[in-house]
N, C-alpha and C. Protein backbone atom coordinates (compact mmCIF):
# COMPACT_ATOMS: atom_id res chain seq x y z
N MET A 1 0.90 -1.19 -0.01
CA MET A 1 0.06 0.03 0.05
C MET A 1 1.00 1.31 0.09
N ARG A 2 0.59 2.18 -0.87
CA ARG A 2 1.37 3.39 -1.04
C ARG A 2 0.94 4.50 -0.11
N ALA A 3 1.78 5.18 0.53
CA ALA A 3 1.49 6.19 1.50
C ALA A 3 1.15 7.46 0.74
N ARG A 4 0.10 8.16 1.19
CA ARG A 4 -0.25 9.36 0.48
C ARG A 4 0.74 10.54 1.11
N THR A 5 1.15 11.40 0.17
CA THR A 5 2.07 12.39 0.48
C THR A 5 1.48 13.74 -0.01
N GLY A 6 0.37 13.65 -0.69
CA GLY A 6 -0.11 14.93 -1.33
C GLY A 6 -0.72 15.98 -0.28
N VAL A 7 -0.93 17.14 -0.75
CA VAL A 7 -1.58 18.05 0.13
C VAL A 7 -3.12 18.24 -0.10
N PHE A 8 -3.57 17.57 -1.09
CA PHE A 8 -4.97 17.74 -1.43
C PHE A 8 -5.93 17.22 -0.39
N ALA A 9 -5.75 16.16 0.15
CA ALA A 9 -6.66 15.57 1.18
C ALA A 9 -6.64 16.32 2.54
N PRO A 10 -5.50 16.68 3.13
CA PRO A 10 -5.50 17.60 4.32
C PRO A 10 -6.19 18.97 3.98
N VAL A 11 -5.99 19.47 2.85
CA VAL A 11 -6.66 20.85 2.72
C VAL A 11 -8.16 20.77 2.53
N ILE A 12 -8.54 19.82 1.74
CA ILE A 12 -10.11 19.52 1.66
C ILE A 12 -10.61 19.21 2.95
N ALA A 13 -9.97 18.27 3.82
CA ALA A 13 -10.56 18.00 5.06
C ALA A 13 -10.67 19.30 5.96
N ALA A 14 -9.54 20.14 6.03
CA ALA A 14 -9.52 21.25 6.90
C ALA A 14 -10.66 22.40 6.44
N LEU A 15 -10.78 22.52 5.01
CA LEU A 15 -11.84 23.38 4.60
C LEU A 15 -13.15 22.81 4.75
N GLY A 16 -13.40 21.53 4.57
CA GLY A 16 -14.67 20.95 4.76
C GLY A 16 -15.18 20.96 6.19
N ALA A 17 -14.14 20.82 7.14
CA ALA A 17 -14.57 20.88 8.56
C ALA A 17 -14.94 22.23 8.94
N GLY A 18 -14.08 23.22 8.31
CA GLY A 18 -14.40 24.71 8.62
C GLY A 18 -15.75 25.07 8.03
N PHE A 19 -16.13 24.53 6.93
CA PHE A 19 -17.48 24.85 6.29
C PHE A 19 -18.65 24.34 7.19
N MET A 20 -18.50 22.92 7.53
CA MET A 20 -19.47 22.33 8.45
C MET A 20 -19.67 23.09 9.76
N PHE A 21 -18.50 23.63 10.38
CA PHE A 21 -18.65 24.41 11.57
C PHE A 21 -19.36 25.69 11.21
N PHE A 22 -19.04 26.38 10.26
CA PHE A 22 -19.84 27.58 9.72
C PHE A 22 -21.31 27.38 9.64
N VAL A 23 -21.60 26.35 9.03
CA VAL A 23 -23.06 26.01 8.70
C VAL A 23 -23.78 25.68 10.08
N VAL A 24 -23.20 24.92 10.74
CA VAL A 24 -23.89 24.27 11.95
C VAL A 24 -23.98 25.56 13.05
N THR A 25 -22.95 26.14 13.28
CA THR A 25 -22.93 27.33 14.21
C THR A 25 -24.01 28.47 13.86
N ASN A 26 -24.00 28.63 12.58
CA ASN A 26 -24.89 29.77 12.05
C ASN A 26 -26.38 29.34 12.02
N LEU A 27 -26.68 27.97 11.77
CA LEU A 27 -27.86 27.54 12.01
C LEU A 27 -28.34 27.60 13.38
N ALA A 28 -27.50 27.35 14.42
CA ALA A 28 -27.76 27.46 15.73
C ALA A 28 -28.20 28.79 16.18
N VAL A 29 -27.35 29.75 15.68
CA VAL A 29 -27.69 31.25 15.85
C VAL A 29 -28.97 31.61 15.37
N PHE A 30 -29.26 31.04 14.11
CA PHE A 30 -30.58 31.39 13.60
C PHE A 30 -31.76 30.69 14.16
N ALA A 31 -31.50 29.66 14.85
CA ALA A 31 -32.58 29.07 15.63
C ALA A 31 -32.88 29.87 17.02
N GLY A 32 -31.94 30.67 17.41
CA GLY A 32 -32.30 31.53 18.69
C GLY A 32 -33.28 32.61 18.26
N ASP A 33 -33.21 33.65 19.02
CA ASP A 33 -34.01 34.79 18.89
C ASP A 33 -33.33 36.12 18.32
N LEU A 34 -32.21 35.97 17.84
CA LEU A 34 -31.44 37.09 17.24
C LEU A 34 -31.88 37.54 15.83
N TYR A 35 -32.28 36.63 15.12
CA TYR A 35 -32.73 36.84 13.62
C TYR A 35 -34.16 36.33 13.58
N PRO A 36 -35.05 37.01 12.58
CA PRO A 36 -36.38 36.38 12.36
C PRO A 36 -36.25 35.11 11.61
N HIS A 37 -37.21 34.33 11.95
CA HIS A 37 -37.18 32.94 11.37
C HIS A 37 -37.80 32.97 10.02
N THR A 38 -37.25 33.62 9.03
CA THR A 38 -37.62 33.83 7.60
C THR A 38 -36.42 33.64 6.84
N TRP A 39 -36.66 33.48 5.47
CA TRP A 39 -35.61 33.33 4.52
C TRP A 39 -34.69 34.52 4.54
N ALA A 40 -35.33 35.73 4.73
CA ALA A 40 -34.57 36.96 4.92
C ALA A 40 -33.71 36.93 6.17
N GLY A 41 -34.16 36.44 7.24
CA GLY A 41 -33.42 36.29 8.50
C GLY A 41 -32.34 35.30 8.34
N LEU A 42 -32.50 34.20 7.64
CA LEU A 42 -31.43 33.29 7.43
C LEU A 42 -30.30 33.92 6.57
N VAL A 43 -30.70 34.58 5.52
CA VAL A 43 -29.66 35.23 4.73
C VAL A 43 -28.89 36.18 5.49
N GLU A 44 -29.72 36.98 6.20
CA GLU A 44 -29.04 38.02 7.05
C GLU A 44 -27.95 37.41 8.14
N ASP A 45 -28.36 36.27 8.68
CA ASP A 45 -27.52 35.59 9.66
C ASP A 45 -26.23 35.12 8.95
N PHE A 46 -26.32 34.49 7.81
CA PHE A 46 -25.14 33.98 7.22
C PHE A 46 -24.35 35.08 6.62
N THR A 47 -25.04 36.18 6.15
CA THR A 47 -24.23 37.26 5.62
C THR A 47 -23.44 38.02 6.68
N ALA A 48 -23.95 38.06 7.87
CA ALA A 48 -23.28 38.74 8.87
C ALA A 48 -22.08 37.90 9.35
N ALA A 49 -22.16 36.58 9.09
CA ALA A 49 -20.94 35.76 9.56
C ALA A 49 -19.89 35.59 8.60
N LEU A 50 -20.03 36.06 7.36
CA LEU A 50 -19.08 35.94 6.34
C LEU A 50 -17.59 36.44 6.70
N PRO A 51 -17.52 37.62 7.33
CA PRO A 51 -16.15 38.12 7.60
C PRO A 51 -15.37 37.21 8.59
N PHE A 52 -16.18 36.55 9.50
CA PHE A 52 -15.61 35.61 10.44
C PHE A 52 -15.19 34.33 9.71
N TYR A 53 -16.01 33.98 8.85
CA TYR A 53 -15.75 32.71 8.01
C TYR A 53 -14.36 32.94 7.16
N ARG A 54 -14.18 34.07 6.54
CA ARG A 54 -13.11 34.40 5.69
C ARG A 54 -11.73 34.28 6.62
N ASN A 55 -11.84 34.81 7.75
CA ASN A 55 -10.69 34.59 8.88
C ASN A 55 -10.50 33.27 9.19
N GLN A 56 -11.52 32.51 9.37
CA GLN A 56 -11.45 31.07 9.79
C GLN A 56 -10.71 30.34 8.67
N ILE A 57 -11.05 30.68 7.35
CA ILE A 57 -10.43 29.88 6.34
C ILE A 57 -8.89 30.20 6.32
N ARG A 58 -8.57 31.53 6.46
CA ARG A 58 -7.16 31.78 6.52
C ARG A 58 -6.42 31.08 7.70
N ARG A 59 -6.95 31.15 8.69
CA ARG A 59 -6.34 30.41 9.88
C ARG A 59 -6.23 28.99 9.77
N ARG A 60 -7.20 28.38 9.29
CA ARG A 60 -7.25 26.77 9.02
C ARG A 60 -6.22 26.46 8.04
N CYS A 61 -6.16 27.29 6.92
CA CYS A 61 -5.08 27.00 5.82
C CYS A 61 -3.60 27.13 6.41
N ALA A 62 -3.48 28.22 7.24
CA ALA A 62 -2.15 28.43 7.84
C ALA A 62 -1.77 27.30 8.80
N PHE A 63 -2.77 27.03 9.61
CA PHE A 63 -2.40 25.92 10.61
C PHE A 63 -2.14 24.60 9.89
N THR A 64 -2.98 24.18 8.99
CA THR A 64 -2.79 22.98 8.25
C THR A 64 -1.44 22.93 7.42
N ALA A 65 -1.02 24.07 6.89
CA ALA A 65 0.15 24.05 6.23
C ALA A 65 1.36 23.94 7.21
N ALA A 66 1.32 24.54 8.29
CA ALA A 66 2.31 24.53 9.41
C ALA A 66 2.39 22.98 9.93
N LEU A 67 1.23 22.46 10.24
CA LEU A 67 1.13 21.16 10.92
C LEU A 67 1.82 20.10 9.93
N PHE A 68 1.25 20.05 8.66
CA PHE A 68 1.86 19.03 7.68
C PHE A 68 3.09 19.44 7.25
N GLY A 69 3.41 20.70 7.05
CA GLY A 69 4.74 21.05 6.68
C GLY A 69 5.93 20.76 7.63
N LEU A 70 5.62 20.93 8.95
CA LEU A 70 6.54 20.53 10.03
C LEU A 70 6.60 18.90 10.05
N HIS A 71 5.52 18.31 9.82
CA HIS A 71 5.66 16.78 9.92
C HIS A 71 6.41 16.36 8.68
N ALA A 72 6.27 16.94 7.55
CA ALA A 72 7.09 16.49 6.34
C ALA A 72 8.58 16.82 6.63
N ALA A 73 8.87 17.97 7.21
CA ALA A 73 10.24 18.28 7.49
C ALA A 73 10.84 17.40 8.41
N ALA A 74 10.11 17.07 9.51
CA ALA A 74 10.71 16.14 10.52
C ALA A 74 10.95 14.80 9.94
N THR A 75 9.90 14.42 9.06
CA THR A 75 10.15 13.00 8.38
C THR A 75 11.34 13.02 7.47
N ARG A 76 11.54 14.07 6.76
CA ARG A 76 12.72 14.05 5.87
C ARG A 76 14.02 14.22 6.65
N GLU A 77 14.07 14.94 7.79
CA GLU A 77 15.27 14.98 8.51
C GLU A 77 15.59 13.76 9.25
N TYR A 78 14.48 13.07 9.78
CA TYR A 78 14.74 11.79 10.29
C TYR A 78 15.27 10.71 9.27
N ALA A 79 14.82 10.75 8.11
CA ALA A 79 15.23 9.80 7.05
C ALA A 79 16.70 10.18 6.68
N ARG A 80 17.02 11.48 6.66
CA ARG A 80 18.44 11.86 6.41
C ARG A 80 19.36 11.34 7.41
N ARG A 81 18.94 11.58 8.71
CA ARG A 81 19.84 11.11 9.71
C ARG A 81 20.12 9.57 9.75
N ILE A 82 18.99 8.85 9.50
CA ILE A 82 19.08 7.44 9.34
C ILE A 82 20.00 7.03 8.33
N ALA A 83 19.98 7.56 7.17
CA ALA A 83 20.68 7.22 5.97
C ALA A 83 22.24 7.46 6.23
N THR A 84 22.46 8.60 7.03
CA THR A 84 23.85 8.92 7.23
C THR A 84 24.52 7.88 8.33
N THR A 85 23.83 7.27 9.09
CA THR A 85 24.40 6.46 10.20
C THR A 85 24.65 5.03 9.60
């Protein structure tokens, strides 16, 4: 079995998890008493949350790149050290 070394799967997983969090939390806010329970209220709720979602995407991409980048660097360094001994 071949190990996956691509960046596609972690990025899709991070963005998908962020999208699900965005939808679920905004539906929970919509279910409360802050917005009217109409289509216009739902659109207003999601529109008000878009600036926060944009920042969430940036943070998730940065964290995912750092996490998997550091893991790849550590794995490469370990393999280099093993090969020189």
